[in-house]
């Protein structure tokens, strides 16, 4: 398979949370001989960017003692 097909496959499989370092390591594990810079360039060409996970924010303050 061509790299321009493999990169989006890995990206979509991991819910768009994989950036170039993780995709690079995944490609190495799958037997591709490629550099990290090339993965970065191909991701830019394919217009692929990481979708950042939202951080957890506690909004419930029911544990705070009532001061009235």
Protein backbone atom coordinates (compact mmCIF):
# COMPACT_ATOMS: atom_id res chain seq x y z
CA UNK A 1 0.00 0.00 0.00
CA UNK A 2 1.18 3.53 -0.68
CA UNK A 3 2.09 5.82 2.21
CA UNK A 4 -0.54 8.39 1.20
CA UNK A 5 -3.11 5.66 1.83
CA UNK A 6 -1.52 4.24 4.98
CA UNK A 7 -1.20 7.54 6.88
CA UNK A 8 -4.94 8.41 6.69
CA UNK A 9 -5.81 4.80 7.58
CA UNK A 10 -3.72 4.95 10.78
CA UNK A 11 -4.99 8.47 11.53
CA UNK A 12 -8.67 7.51 11.19
CA UNK A 13 -8.22 4.20 13.01
CA UNK A 14 -6.97 6.10 16.06
CA UNK A 15 -9.84 8.60 16.12
CA UNK A 16 -7.70 11.41 14.65
CA UNK A 17 -5.64 11.65 17.85
CA UNK A 18 -2.36 10.43 16.35
CA UNK A 19 0.21 13.01 15.27
CA UNK A 20 3.31 12.48 13.17
CA UNK A 21 5.43 10.84 15.92
CA UNK A 22 2.85 8.14 16.65
CA UNK A 23 2.06 7.57 12.97
CA UNK A 24 5.81 7.36 12.28
CA UNK A 25 6.26 4.68 14.96
CA UNK A 26 3.21 2.78 13.73
CA UNK A 27 4.61 2.73 10.19
CA UNK A 28 7.95 1.46 11.50
CA UNK A 29 6.15 -1.35 13.34
CA UNK A 30 4.33 -2.26 10.12
CA UNK A 31 7.67 -2.61 8.31
CA UNK A 32 7.92 0.68 6.39
CA UNK A 33 11.34 2.33 6.17
CA UNK A 34 10.51 6.01 6.40
CA UNK A 35 11.73 9.12 8.19
CA UNK A 36 9.77 11.22 10.66
CA UNK A 37 10.24 14.32 8.49
CA UNK A 38 8.67 12.56 5.52
CA UNK A 39 5.65 11.57 7.62
CA UNK A 40 5.29 15.21 8.71
CA UNK A 41 5.49 16.41 5.11
CA UNK A 42 2.96 13.86 3.86
CA UNK A 43 0.56 14.78 6.68
CA UNK A 44 0.80 18.44 5.65
CA UNK A 45 0.19 17.51 2.00
CA UNK A 46 -2.86 15.47 3.01
CA UNK A 47 -4.03 18.31 5.29
CA UNK A 48 -4.13 16.02 8.33
CA UNK A 49 -3.90 17.57 11.78
CA UNK A 50 -4.41 16.13 15.23
CA UNK A 51 -7.79 16.75 16.82
CA UNK A 52 -6.97 17.60 20.43
CA UNK A 53 -8.82 15.70 23.11
CA UNK A 54 -10.84 17.88 25.46
CA UNK A 55 -9.48 17.93 28.96
CA UNK A 56 -11.65 16.89 31.86
CA UNK A 57 -12.99 19.79 33.86
CA UNK A 58 -14.79 19.16 37.12
CA UNK A 59 -17.87 21.36 37.26
CA UNK A 60 -19.77 19.86 40.19
CA UNK A 61 -19.10 21.66 43.45
CA UNK A 62 -21.58 19.69 45.58
CA UNK A 63 -18.69 18.46 47.73
CA UNK A 64 -18.02 22.02 48.98
CA UNK A 65 -19.45 22.61 52.48
CA UNK A 66 -22.40 24.97 52.69
CA UNK A 67 -21.18 28.15 54.41
CA UNK A 68 -24.58 29.83 54.93
